[in-house]
Amino acid sequence: SMVFPDHVVLRCYVPSDARSTACVHFDGKHRTELSRGDSVQIEMSPHPVPTINRVDHSADWLSSLKSNFNFNTRVRQKKISTTSVSD
């Protein structure tokens, strides 16, 4: 996870000599394909969403990312059930 100050503007681009296109997802819903030479600019909204925090805004935000999107974690899988089906 990376946390940046609110004044930082990030620009992610697909190089013109990339082997393939890239995809970006917004809120896990809207998928947009980026072609070679395309870019996306990420910056703080002029209308931030107010939040209530337990610890501080960074710790709470990162914690919610980890728990909801499983960033940098692998959810333990359950064992396969070995129940038999009778005819």
Protein backbone atom coordinates (compact mmCIF):
# COMPACT_ATOMS: atom_id res chain seq x y z
CA SER A 1 0.00 0.00 0.00
CA MET A 2 1.12 3.52 -0.69
CA VAL A 3 -0.15 6.69 0.95
CA PHE A 4 0.51 10.09 -0.60
CA PRO A 5 -0.10 13.60 0.70
CA ASP A 6 -3.32 15.22 -0.52
CA HIS A 7 -1.49 17.62 -2.85
CA VAL A 8 0.19 14.86 -4.90
CA VAL A 9 -1.02 14.18 -8.45
CA LEU A 10 -0.13 10.78 -9.92
CA ARG A 11 -0.05 10.03 -13.62
CA CYS A 12 0.07 6.38 -14.67
CA TYR A 13 0.62 5.72 -18.34
CA VAL A 14 0.98 2.83 -20.74
CA PRO A 15 4.27 3.21 -22.63
CA SER A 16 4.04 3.51 -26.40
CA ASP A 17 6.19 0.37 -26.74
CA ALA A 18 4.18 -1.71 -24.23
CA ARG A 19 3.52 -5.32 -25.20
CA SER A 20 -0.18 -5.01 -24.40
CA THR A 21 -2.92 -2.71 -23.21
CA ALA A 22 -3.70 -2.14 -19.53
CA CYS A 23 -6.95 -1.90 -17.59
CA VAL A 24 -7.94 0.36 -14.73
CA HIS A 25 -10.86 -0.24 -12.39
CA PHE A 26 -12.66 2.47 -10.47
CA ASP A 27 -14.41 1.46 -7.25
CA GLY A 28 -14.13 -2.14 -8.43
CA LYS A 29 -16.95 -1.57 -10.91
CA HIS A 30 -16.04 0.47 -13.94
CA ARG A 31 -13.34 -1.12 -16.09
CA THR A 32 -11.56 1.01 -18.66
CA GLU A 33 -8.95 -0.25 -21.09
CA LEU A 34 -5.91 1.93 -21.69
CA SER A 35 -4.12 1.61 -25.03
CA ARG A 36 -0.47 2.31 -25.70
CA GLY A 37 0.26 5.98 -24.98
CA ASP A 38 -2.88 6.43 -22.82
CA SER A 39 -2.65 7.66 -19.25
CA VAL A 40 -4.79 8.20 -16.19
CA GLN A 41 -4.31 11.04 -13.73
CA ILE A 42 -5.15 10.49 -10.07
CA GLU A 43 -5.66 13.41 -7.72
CA MET A 44 -7.63 14.36 -4.66
CA SER A 45 -11.24 15.27 -5.27
CA PRO A 46 -12.20 18.91 -4.73
CA HIS A 47 -15.17 17.46 -2.80
CA PRO A 48 -13.70 15.01 -0.25
CA VAL A 49 -15.99 12.57 1.53
CA PRO A 50 -16.11 13.16 5.30
CA THR A 51 -15.31 10.08 7.36
CA ILE A 52 -15.30 9.01 11.00
CA ASN A 53 -12.02 7.43 12.04
CA ARG A 54 -11.09 5.13 14.91
CA VAL A 55 -7.35 5.74 14.90
CA ASP A 56 -6.38 8.18 12.17
CA HIS A 57 -7.39 8.59 8.55
CA SER A 58 -4.39 6.72 7.10
CA ALA A 59 -4.48 3.73 9.45
CA ASP A 60 -8.24 3.29 9.14
CA TRP A 61 -8.15 3.63 5.36
CA LEU A 62 -5.32 1.12 4.93
CA SER A 63 -6.96 -1.29 7.36
CA SER A 64 -10.24 -1.18 5.44
CA LEU A 65 -8.40 -1.77 2.15
CA LYS A 66 -6.70 -4.83 3.57
CA SER A 67 -9.86 -6.29 5.10
CA ASN A 68 -12.22 -5.54 2.20
CA PHE A 69 -9.99 -6.03 -0.83
CA ASN A 70 -7.45 -8.47 0.65
CA PHE A 71 -4.49 -6.33 -0.47
CA ASN A 72 -1.20 -8.11 0.25
CA THR A 73 -3.05 -10.97 1.91
CA ARG A 74 -4.29 -14.37 0.90
CA VAL A 75 -7.55 -15.52 2.37
CA ARG A 76 -7.28 -19.04 3.79
CA GLN A 77 -9.31 -21.46 1.75
CA LYS A 78 -11.57 -23.98 3.41
CA LYS A 79 -10.94 -27.68 2.96
CA ILE A 80 -12.90 -29.43 0.24
CA SER A 81 -15.81 -31.31 1.72
CA THR A 82 -15.60 -35.09 1.19
CA THR A 83 -19.27 -35.91 1.64
CA SER A 84 -20.49 -38.68 -0.60
CA VAL A 85 -23.71 -38.59 -2.59
CA SER A 86 -25.83 -41.74 -2.29
CA ASP A 87 -27.91 -43.01 -5.19
